[in-house]
Amino acid sequence: MSAITRRAKRPCIGFRSLRPGIRPVGAARGAGSSAREQKTMAKVFHKGDRVRWNSHGGQAEGEVLKQITSDTEAGGRTVRASREEPQYLVRSDKSGGEAVHKPDALEKI
């Protein structure tokens, strides 16, 4: 029996071998995190919350000044925000500078 014949007899478990519409066990529809699930699980912060974020010089800490839910000018730039995807104006404890961050960039402390 040649190596090619033996290889052809082994079952293939890769995705490419499956017919369209058939998923392997454990890959059920809806498994994993979709964009919709991530939006509903977004972090929510309130005015006065103490937060930490990554900065050019390392990590920075400060407080949330306000939640931004519409397109506006803040933190020295145009902010694209909505009720579904808010952003937060924060003030650094160390420098006193203000910046705008998405919720995923902030961590409560």
Protein backbone atom coordinates (compact mmCIF):
# COMPACT_ATOMS: atom_id res chain seq x y z
CA MET A 1 0.00 0.00 0.00
CA SER A 2 1.53 3.34 -0.98
CA ALA A 3 1.63 6.49 1.15
CA ILE A 4 -0.86 8.20 -1.15
CA THR A 5 -3.39 5.40 -0.75
CA ARG A 6 -3.07 5.44 3.05
CA ARG A 7 -3.50 9.18 3.16
CA ALA A 8 -6.67 9.03 1.09
CA LYS A 9 -8.27 6.55 3.50
CA ARG A 10 -7.80 8.74 6.61
CA PRO A 11 -10.81 10.90 7.42
CA CYS A 12 -10.36 14.61 6.90
CA ILE A 13 -11.58 16.78 9.76
CA GLY A 14 -10.90 20.21 8.23
CA PHE A 15 -13.54 22.80 7.37
CA ARG A 16 -12.76 22.62 3.66
CA SER A 17 -13.83 19.01 3.43
CA LEU A 18 -17.36 19.77 4.59
CA ARG A 19 -20.21 20.53 2.29
CA PRO A 20 -21.54 24.10 2.41
CA GLY A 21 -23.95 24.56 5.30
CA ILE A 22 -22.52 21.70 7.36
CA ARG A 23 -20.47 22.65 10.42
CA PRO A 24 -18.29 20.39 12.54
CA VAL A 25 -19.38 19.61 16.10
CA GLY A 26 -18.80 22.59 18.40
CA ALA A 27 -19.08 25.14 15.61
CA ALA A 28 -22.78 25.73 16.04
CA ARG A 29 -24.37 28.82 14.56
CA GLY A 30 -24.03 31.75 16.90
CA ALA A 31 -20.99 30.31 18.68
CA GLY A 32 -18.40 32.91 19.63
CA SER A 33 -18.97 36.61 20.06
CA SER A 34 -20.64 38.54 17.30
CA ALA A 35 -20.48 42.30 16.89
CA ARG A 36 -24.04 42.56 18.22
CA GLU A 37 -23.12 40.62 21.39
CA GLN A 38 -20.04 42.78 21.93
CA LYS A 39 -22.09 45.97 21.71
CA THR A 40 -24.57 44.77 24.31
CA MET A 41 -21.72 43.72 26.60
CA ALA A 42 -19.91 47.08 26.26
CA LYS A 43 -18.45 48.63 29.38
CA VAL A 44 -20.45 51.49 30.88
CA PHE A 45 -18.78 54.29 32.84
CA HIS A 46 -20.27 57.22 34.74
CA LYS A 47 -19.08 60.73 35.56
CA GLY A 48 -16.51 60.53 38.36
CA ASP A 49 -15.50 56.90 37.73
CA ARG A 50 -11.77 56.30 38.20
CA VAL A 51 -10.27 54.69 35.08
CA ARG A 52 -6.96 53.58 33.57
CA TRP A 53 -5.96 53.56 29.90
CA ASN A 54 -2.87 52.98 27.76
CA SER A 55 -1.01 56.13 26.79
CA HIS A 56 2.07 56.80 24.67
CA GLY A 57 4.20 56.98 27.81
CA GLY A 58 2.71 53.89 29.45
CA GLN A 59 -0.50 53.71 31.44
CA ALA A 60 -2.44 56.78 32.52
CA GLU A 61 -5.07 57.14 35.23
CA GLY A 62 -7.79 59.69 35.68
CA GLU A 63 -11.51 60.22 35.92
CA VAL A 64 -14.43 60.17 33.54
CA LEU A 65 -15.74 63.72 32.97
CA LYS A 66 -18.65 62.84 30.71
CA GLN A 67 -20.18 60.32 28.36
CA ILE A 68 -20.38 61.48 24.72
CA THR A 69 -23.34 60.09 22.75
CA SER A 70 -23.35 62.28 19.63
CA ASP A 71 -20.84 63.58 17.10
CA THR A 72 -18.97 66.50 18.67
CA GLU A 73 -15.61 68.23 19.11
CA ALA A 74 -13.83 67.11 22.29
CA GLY A 75 -10.32 66.31 23.44
CA GLY A 76 -8.89 68.21 20.47
CA ARG A 77 -10.58 66.08 17.79
CA THR A 78 -13.89 65.27 16.14
CA VAL A 79 -15.58 62.46 18.05
CA ARG A 80 -17.91 60.07 16.24
CA ALA A 81 -20.20 58.70 18.93
CA SER A 82 -23.80 57.54 19.34
CA ARG A 83 -26.02 56.10 22.07
CA GLU A 84 -25.16 52.61 20.82
CA GLU A 85 -21.42 53.38 20.68
CA PRO A 86 -20.60 56.06 23.26
CA GLN A 87 -17.17 57.49 23.98
CA TYR A 88 -15.87 59.02 27.20
CA LEU A 89 -14.11 62.31 27.95
CA VAL A 90 -11.44 61.63 30.59
CA ARG A 91 -8.95 63.83 32.46
CA SER A 92 -5.47 62.55 33.33
CA ASP A 93 -4.44 62.86 36.98
CA LYS A 94 -0.80 63.36 36.08
CA SER A 95 -0.95 65.91 33.25
CA GLY A 96 -4.45 67.33 33.64
CA GLY A 97 -4.94 66.79 29.90
CA GLU A 98 -8.27 65.71 28.48
CA ALA A 99 -8.76 62.89 25.99
CA VAL A 100 -11.63 60.92 24.49
CA HIS A 101 -11.63 57.12 24.56
CA LYS A 102 -13.88 54.26 23.52
CA PRO A 103 -15.11 52.05 26.38
CA ASP A 104 -12.87 49.15 25.36
CA ALA A 105 -9.79 51.32 25.93
CA LEU A 106 -10.76 52.11 29.53
CA GLU A 107 -10.51 49.96 32.66
CA LYS A 108 -12.20 50.78 35.97
CA ILE A 109 -9.86 51.07 38.96
